[in-house]
Structure formats: C-alpha cells, structure tokens
Amino acid sequence: MPHLTLLIIRHAEKPKRAWPGPGLTPEGAQDDESLVIRGWQRAGSWSALFGAGLGGIDFPRPGKIYAADPNDTTSDLTSHRPFETITPLAAQLSIAPVVKYALGQEADLVAGLLKQTGCALVCWEHKSIVKTLLPLLAGAQSLAGLPTKWDSDRFDVVLRFDRSDPSALWSFRQLFPRLLSGDSDIAMS
C-alpha cells in the first residue's frame, strides 16, 4: 500500500522586534524578505533533525521537499524565507526542492502532495498554512488538534499527517522537537 507522511513547517524566524538584526540572504546581504540569524540557525537545526536522522521515527527523512516559489512575481506575497529555511536540508539530502507553487497556489500544492507516496516536507508561510493548506488537506475529515491559527512568534512546530493509502483517513499530530532555546512544547490551537 502506498503510505504518505506529510511534514509541514513554517519558515524560520524573520525580521521583527523580537529577533534582532536584519534579514540576510545566504550571501549576507540585507533583505527584509530573508531570514534573520536566528532563522538561519533554525534552518540548520531542521537540517540536522530531518536530514541526519536525529529526530527518530517522529521526524522521518523526507524524499521530497516543497517550499513556496521564492522568485514568484505574480503576487505581492512572495517571500524567500520558506525556500531559505529548507535550503540546508535539501543540500544535506541532495534533493532539489520543489518550488513550482507560489503563495496563493495552495490548492495546486495540495493536489500535487496527494499524488505522492513516502514522506514529503512542506515549508510555507504560517497564515496560508492554517487558512488554506490545512483545511484543504483535512477536507471533510475532522482532525483533533488541527490548529486554526498560528501564533506569529511560533517557528518551532511540525505538523505531521499520515495515512496508509489514498482512501484512508489522516492521522494528525503536532510535534515539538525543541531545537533552539525558547522553543515550546505547547500545542497550537
């Protein structure tokens, strides 16, 4: 039977008052749409967790990695942060990230994800995750613990969906690897 595990994370930390310093591109140039130093630390932590097998069975190694298209010019929603967040993991696993979907194209993303088998990781913008991506994945199924909002200060949660075959119901869990100081193990609501 084709099994599917979907791991959904939010992009890592971005410029704002709580995190000092500007957003920085991988080359070190200032960019408001890029991660702050703390975000780059988190990106490296995700790489260790998912790429080096440090997370055990709860955090499997993905065979595909998806991020919002960092070069999309069709929307004002474009951000480099989801792509930057998964770049270290993709490099560690020697996987070319799938970036053919932009923010606002969550329905197309979900349609593509549902055709997959194995394990796929998705890194996306938090408001679009709860507003569009999660309801599309859940469909008519009621999933206990499925968050309806994502606190703007939370960057530390993994949403895990599993099903044994395309006609099976999803099982769902929120996971809290606590990779960096200040990370929480409190579920989002």
C-alpha atoms as a PDB file:
ATOM      1  CA  MET A   1       0.000   0.000   0.000  1.00  0.00           C
ATOM      2  CA  PRO A   2       1.306   3.491  -0.778  1.00  0.00           C
ATOM      3  CA  HIS A   3       1.860   5.301   2.515  1.00  0.00           C
ATOM      4  CA  LEU A   4       2.059   9.093   2.729  1.00  0.00           C
ATOM      5  CA  THR A   5       3.572  11.195   5.508  1.00  0.00           C
ATOM      6  CA  LEU A   6       3.406  14.981   5.214  1.00  0.00           C
ATOM      7  CA  LEU A   7       5.509  17.161   7.478  1.00  0.00           C
ATOM      8  CA  ILE A   8       4.580  20.849   7.489  1.00  0.00           C
ATOM      9  CA  ILE A   9       6.763  23.547   8.977  1.00  0.00           C
ATOM     10  CA  ARG A  10       6.604  27.287   8.925  1.00  0.00           C
ATOM     11  CA  HIS A  11       9.501  29.288   7.509  1.00  0.00           C
ATOM     12  CA  ALA A  12      12.114  30.200  10.116  1.00  0.00           C
ATOM     13  CA  GLU A  13      12.467  33.470  12.002  1.00  0.00           C
ATOM     14  CA  LYS A  14      12.139  36.730  10.113  1.00  0.00           C
ATOM     15  CA  PRO A  15      12.981  40.366  10.839  1.00  0.00           C
ATOM     16  CA  LYS A  16      10.857  41.878  13.591  1.00  0.00           C
ATOM     17  CA  ARG A  17      11.233  43.434  17.014  1.00  0.00           C
ATOM     18  CA  ALA A  18      11.635  40.153  18.909  1.00  0.00           C
ATOM     19  CA  TRP A  19      14.573  38.972  16.776  1.00  0.00           C
ATOM     20  CA  PRO A  20      17.496  41.364  16.481  1.00  0.00           C
ATOM     21  CA  GLY A  21      19.185  42.179  13.240  1.00  0.00           C
ATOM     22  CA  PRO A  22      18.099  42.420   9.655  1.00  0.00           C
ATOM     23  CA  GLY A  23      17.054  39.682   7.293  1.00  0.00           C
ATOM     24  CA  LEU A  24      20.110  38.319   5.492  1.00  0.00           C
ATOM     25  CA  THR A  25      20.451  36.461   2.209  1.00  0.00           C
ATOM     26  CA  PRO A  26      22.703  33.383   2.158  1.00  0.00           C
ATOM     27  CA  GLU A  27      25.435  35.703   0.882  1.00  0.00           C
ATOM     28  CA  GLY A  28      24.997  38.070   3.856  1.00  0.00           C
ATOM     29  CA  ALA A  29      23.261  40.933   2.049  1.00  0.00           C
ATOM     30  CA  GLN A  30      20.439  42.663   3.919  1.00  0.00           C
ATOM     31  CA  ASP A  31      16.981  41.687   2.662  1.00  0.00           C
ATOM     32  CA  ASP A  32      13.684  42.198   4.514  1.00  0.00           C
ATOM     33  CA  GLU A  33      12.268  39.048   2.859  1.00  0.00           C
ATOM     34  CA  SER A  34      15.071  36.815   4.182  1.00  0.00           C
ATOM     35  CA  LEU A  35      15.757  35.091   7.498  1.00  0.00           C
ATOM     36  CA  VAL A  36      17.463  36.699  10.484  1.00  0.00           C
ATOM     37  CA  ILE A  37      20.462  34.959  12.069  1.00  0.00           C
ATOM     38  CA  ARG A  38      18.144  33.052  14.446  1.00  0.00           C
ATOM     39  CA  GLY A  39      16.200  31.847  11.386  1.00  0.00           C
ATOM     40  CA  TRP A  40      19.369  30.556   9.740  1.00  0.00           C
ATOM     41  CA  GLN A  41      20.144  28.717  12.981  1.00  0.00           C
ATOM     42  CA  ARG A  42      16.696  27.126  12.856  1.00  0.00           C
ATOM     43  CA  ALA A  43      17.176  26.172   9.195  1.00  0.00           C
ATOM     44  CA  GLY A  44      20.346  24.338  10.211  1.00  0.00           C
ATOM     45  CA  SER A  45      18.508  22.681  13.093  1.00  0.00           C
ATOM     46  CA  TRP A  46      15.760  21.422  10.761  1.00  0.00           C
ATOM     47  CA  SER A  47      18.514  20.020   8.549  1.00  0.00           C
ATOM     48  CA  ALA A  48      20.003  18.083  11.462  1.00  0.00           C
ATOM     49  CA  LEU A  49      16.606  16.875  12.660  1.00  0.00           C
ATOM     50  CA  PHE A  50      15.270  15.643   9.309  1.00  0.00           C
ATOM     51  CA  GLY A  51      18.484  15.110   7.370  1.00  0.00           C
ATOM     52  CA  ALA A  52      20.775  13.409   9.853  1.00  0.00           C
ATOM     53  CA  GLY A  53      18.160  11.147  11.420  1.00  0.00           C
ATOM     54  CA  LEU A  54      18.489  12.842  14.813  1.00  0.00           C
ATOM     55  CA  GLY A  55      14.720  13.017  15.304  1.00  0.00           C
ATOM     56  CA  GLY A  56      13.974   9.308  15.299  1.00  0.00           C
ATOM     57  CA  ILE A  57      10.759   7.890  13.896  1.00  0.00           C
ATOM     58  CA  ASP A  58       8.692  11.004  14.640  1.00  0.00           C
ATOM     59  CA  PHE A  59      10.777  13.079  12.225  1.00  0.00           C
ATOM     60  CA  PRO A  60      11.484  10.889   9.163  1.00  0.00           C
ATOM     61  CA  ARG A  61      13.802  11.854   6.329  1.00  0.00           C
ATOM     62  CA  PRO A  62      11.750  13.397   3.512  1.00  0.00           C
ATOM     63  CA  GLY A  63      12.066  12.123  -0.022  1.00  0.00           C
ATOM     64  CA  LYS A  64      10.681  15.418  -1.382  1.00  0.00           C
ATOM     65  CA  ILE A  65      10.883  18.945  -0.031  1.00  0.00           C
ATOM     66  CA  TYR A  66       8.455  21.692  -1.034  1.00  0.00           C
ATOM     67  CA  ALA A  67       8.771  25.442  -0.490  1.00  0.00           C
ATOM     68  CA  ALA A  68       6.937  28.444  -1.850  1.00  0.00           C
ATOM     69  CA  ASP A  69       8.496  29.748  -5.057  1.00  0.00           C
ATOM     70  CA  PRO A  70      10.986  32.416  -3.942  1.00  0.00           C
ATOM     71  CA  ASN A  71      11.026  34.007  -7.398  1.00  0.00           C
ATOM     72  CA  ASP A  72       7.286  34.288  -7.998  1.00  0.00           C
ATOM     73  CA  THR A  73       6.388  37.645  -9.499  1.00  0.00           C
ATOM     74  CA  THR A  74       2.622  37.111  -9.803  1.00  0.00           C
ATOM     75  CA  SER A  75       1.815  38.058  -6.223  1.00  0.00           C
ATOM     76  CA  ASP A  76       2.697  40.546  -3.505  1.00  0.00           C
ATOM     77  CA  LEU A  77       3.027  37.561  -1.152  1.00  0.00           C
ATOM     78  CA  THR A  78       6.447  36.491  -2.434  1.00  0.00           C
ATOM     79  CA  SER A  79       8.977  35.675   0.279  1.00  0.00           C
ATOM     80  CA  HIS A  80      12.365  33.988   0.222  1.00  0.00           C
ATOM     81  CA  ARG A  81      12.011  32.656   3.761  1.00  0.00           C
ATOM     82  CA  PRO A  82      10.339  29.259   3.083  1.00  0.00           C
ATOM     83  CA  PHE A  83      12.971  28.426   0.448  1.00  0.00           C
ATOM     84  CA  GLU A  84      15.836  29.644   2.643  1.00  0.00           C
ATOM     85  CA  THR A  85      14.516  27.573   5.559  1.00  0.00           C
ATOM     86  CA  ILE A  86      14.721  24.299   3.632  1.00  0.00           C
ATOM     87  CA  THR A  87      17.898  25.041   1.673  1.00  0.00           C
ATOM     88  CA  PRO A  88      20.301  23.434   4.223  1.00  0.00           C
ATOM     89  CA  LEU A  89      18.124  20.310   4.447  1.00  0.00           C
ATOM     90  CA  ALA A  90      17.828  19.996   0.671  1.00  0.00           C
ATOM     91  CA  ALA A  91      21.601  20.361   0.339  1.00  0.00           C
ATOM     92  CA  GLN A  92      22.259  17.750   3.030  1.00  0.00           C
ATOM     93  CA  LEU A  93      19.910  15.261   1.356  1.00  0.00           C
ATOM     94  CA  SER A  94      20.984  16.196  -2.192  1.00  0.00           C
ATOM     95  CA  ILE A  95      17.347  16.861  -3.093  1.00  0.00           C
ATOM     96  CA  ALA A  96      16.264  19.597  -5.475  1.00  0.00           C
ATOM     97  CA  PRO A  97      13.452  21.443  -3.683  1.00  0.00           C
ATOM     98  CA  VAL A  98      10.086  21.598  -5.427  1.00  0.00           C
ATOM     99  CA  VAL A  99       9.321  25.317  -5.822  1.00  0.00           C
ATOM    100  CA  LYS A 100       6.773  25.271  -8.622  1.00  0.00           C
ATOM    101  CA  TYR A 101       3.957  26.503  -6.330  1.00  0.00           C
ATOM    102  CA  ALA A 102       3.748  30.072  -5.072  1.00  0.00           C
ATOM    103  CA  LEU A 103       1.935  31.513  -2.084  1.00  0.00           C
ATOM    104  CA  GLY A 104      -1.720  31.626  -3.102  1.00  0.00           C
ATOM    105  CA  GLN A 105      -1.450  28.338  -5.029  1.00  0.00           C
ATOM    106  CA  GLU A 106      -2.108  26.085  -2.039  1.00  0.00           C
ATOM    107  CA  ALA A 107      -4.877  24.152  -3.840  1.00  0.00           C
ATOM    108  CA  ASP A 108      -2.409  23.159  -6.568  1.00  0.00           C
ATOM    109  CA  LEU A 109       0.197  22.293  -3.937  1.00  0.00           C
ATOM    110  CA  VAL A 110      -2.228  20.019  -2.069  1.00  0.00           C
ATOM    111  CA  ALA A 111      -3.308  18.331  -5.316  1.00  0.00           C
ATOM    112  CA  GLY A 112       0.352  17.603  -6.035  1.00  0.00           C
ATOM    113  CA  LEU A 113       1.055  16.405  -2.495  1.00  0.00           C
ATOM    114  CA  LEU A 114      -1.859  13.976  -2.519  1.00  0.00           C
ATOM    115  CA  LYS A 115      -0.319  12.201  -5.516  1.00  0.00           C
ATOM    116  CA  GLN A 116       2.866  11.472  -3.554  1.00  0.00           C
ATOM    117  CA  THR A 117       3.923   8.434  -1.565  1.00  0.00           C
ATOM    118  CA  GLY A 118       6.604   8.208   1.077  1.00  0.00           C
ATOM    119  CA  CYS A 119       7.482  11.290   3.086  1.00  0.00           C
ATOM    120  CA  ALA A 120       7.339  14.910   1.939  1.00  0.00           C
ATOM    121  CA  LEU A 121       8.194  18.059   3.869  1.00  0.00           C
ATOM    122  CA  VAL A 122       6.457  21.365   3.130  1.00  0.00           C
ATOM    123  CA  CYS A 123       7.764  24.743   4.291  1.00  0.00           C
ATOM    124  CA  TRP A 124       5.254  27.558   3.876  1.00  0.00           C
ATOM    125  CA  GLU A 125       4.013  30.867   5.253  1.00  0.00           C
ATOM    126  CA  HIS A 126       2.135  30.428   8.546  1.00  0.00           C
ATOM    127  CA  LYS A 127      -1.066  32.319   7.708  1.00  0.00           C
ATOM    128  CA  SER A 128      -1.512  30.372   4.479  1.00  0.00           C
ATOM    129  CA  ILE A 129      -0.828  27.099   6.301  1.00  0.00           C
ATOM    130  CA  VAL A 130      -3.759  27.472   8.708  1.00  0.00           C
ATOM    131  CA  LYS A 131      -6.085  29.435   6.453  1.00  0.00           C
ATOM    132  CA  THR A 132      -5.781  27.343   3.293  1.00  0.00           C
ATOM    133  CA  LEU A 133      -3.325  24.437   3.358  1.00  0.00           C
ATOM    134  CA  LEU A 134      -4.626  22.616   6.445  1.00  0.00           C
ATOM    135  CA  PRO A 135      -8.332  22.848   5.528  1.00  0.00           C
ATOM    136  CA  LEU A 136      -7.546  21.565   2.022  1.00  0.00           C
ATOM    137  CA  LEU A 137      -5.592  18.609   3.410  1.00  0.00           C
ATOM    138  CA  ALA A 138      -8.198  17.740   6.032  1.00  0.00           C
ATOM    139  CA  GLY A 139     -11.117  18.053   3.617  1.00  0.00           C
ATOM    140  CA  ALA A 140     -14.279  16.871   5.335  1.00  0.00           C
ATOM    141  CA  GLN A 141     -12.295  14.945   7.946  1.00  0.00           C
ATOM    142  CA  SER A 142     -12.324  16.333  11.485  1.00  0.00           C
ATOM    143  CA  LEU A 143      -8.808  16.143  12.919  1.00  0.00           C
ATOM    144  CA  ALA A 144      -8.336  16.594  16.653  1.00  0.00           C
ATOM    145  CA  GLY A 145      -5.625  19.133  17.414  1.00  0.00           C
ATOM    146  CA  LEU A 146      -5.561  20.692  13.951  1.00  0.00           C
ATOM    147  CA  PRO A 147      -4.656  24.340  14.599  1.00  0.00           C
ATOM    148  CA  THR A 148      -6.887  27.119  13.324  1.00  0.00           C
ATOM    149  CA  LYS A 149      -4.340  29.853  13.984  1.00  0.00           C
ATOM    150  CA  TRP A 150      -0.564  30.041  14.034  1.00  0.00           C
ATOM    151  CA  ASP A 151       0.938  32.450  16.531  1.00  0.00           C
ATOM    152  CA  SER A 152       3.234  34.871  14.737  1.00  0.00           C
ATOM    153  CA  ASP A 153       6.000  34.081  17.265  1.00  0.00           C
ATOM    154  CA  ARG A 154       5.948  30.283  16.762  1.00  0.00           C
ATOM    155  CA  PHE A 155       8.567  28.826  14.441  1.00  0.00           C
ATOM    156  CA  ASP A 156       9.138  25.553  16.313  1.00  0.00           C
ATOM    157  CA  VAL A 157       6.219  23.262  15.407  1.00  0.00           C
ATOM    158  CA  VAL A 158       5.999  20.344  12.987  1.00  0.00           C
ATOM    159  CA  LEU A 159       2.535  19.340  11.766  1.00  0.00           C
ATOM    160  CA  ARG A 160       2.522  15.662  10.804  1.00  0.00           C
ATOM    161  CA  PHE A 161      -0.124  13.968   8.653  1.00  0.00           C
ATOM    162  CA  ASP A 162      -0.039  10.202   7.988  1.00  0.00           C
ATOM    163  CA  ARG A 163      -2.249   7.870   6.011  1.00  0.00           C
ATOM    164  CA  SER A 164      -1.788   4.292   4.881  1.00  0.00           C
ATOM    165  CA  ASP A 165      -3.247   4.731   1.390  1.00  0.00           C
ATOM    166  CA  PRO A 166      -5.050   7.381  -0.698  1.00  0.00           C
ATOM    167  CA  SER A 167      -8.505   6.331   0.535  1.00  0.00           C
ATOM    168  CA  ALA A 168      -7.536   6.167   4.229  1.00  0.00           C
ATOM    169  CA  LEU A 169      -8.259   8.848   6.793  1.00  0.00           C
ATOM    170  CA  TRP A 170      -5.414  11.015   8.027  1.00  0.00           C
ATOM    171  CA  SER A 171      -3.865  10.692  11.441  1.00  0.00           C
ATOM    172  CA  PHE A 172      -2.530  14.016  12.682  1.00  0.00           C
ATOM    173  CA  ARG A 173      -0.090  15.185  15.345  1.00  0.00           C
ATOM    174  CA  GLN A 174       1.616  18.400  16.352  1.00  0.00           C
ATOM    175  CA  LEU A 175       5.262  17.731  17.183  1.00  0.00           C
ATOM    176  CA  PHE A 176       7.647  19.867  19.230  1.00  0.00           C
ATOM    177  CA  PRO A 177      11.311  18.989  18.705  1.00  0.00           C
ATOM    178  CA  ARG A 178      12.538  21.911  20.897  1.00  0.00           C
ATOM    179  CA  LEU A 179      15.616  22.535  18.771  1.00  0.00           C
ATOM    180  CA  LEU A 180      16.534  26.024  19.967  1.00  0.00           C
ATOM    181  CA  SER A 181      16.418  27.908  23.253  1.00  0.00           C
ATOM    182  CA  GLY A 182      12.959  29.261  23.983  1.00  0.00           C
ATOM    183  CA  ASP A 183      11.158  26.655  21.856  1.00  0.00           C
ATOM    184  CA  SER A 184       7.900  25.407  23.325  1.00  0.00           C
ATOM    185  CA  ASP A 185       6.091  22.104  23.694  1.00  0.00           C
ATOM    186  CA  ILE A 186       2.661  23.734  23.971  1.00  0.00           C
ATOM    187  CA  ALA A 187       0.228  22.802  21.191  1.00  0.00           C
ATOM    188  CA  MET A 188      -1.211  25.465  18.944  1.00  0.00           C
ATOM    189  CA  SER A 189      -4.996  25.770  18.963  1.00  0.00           C
END
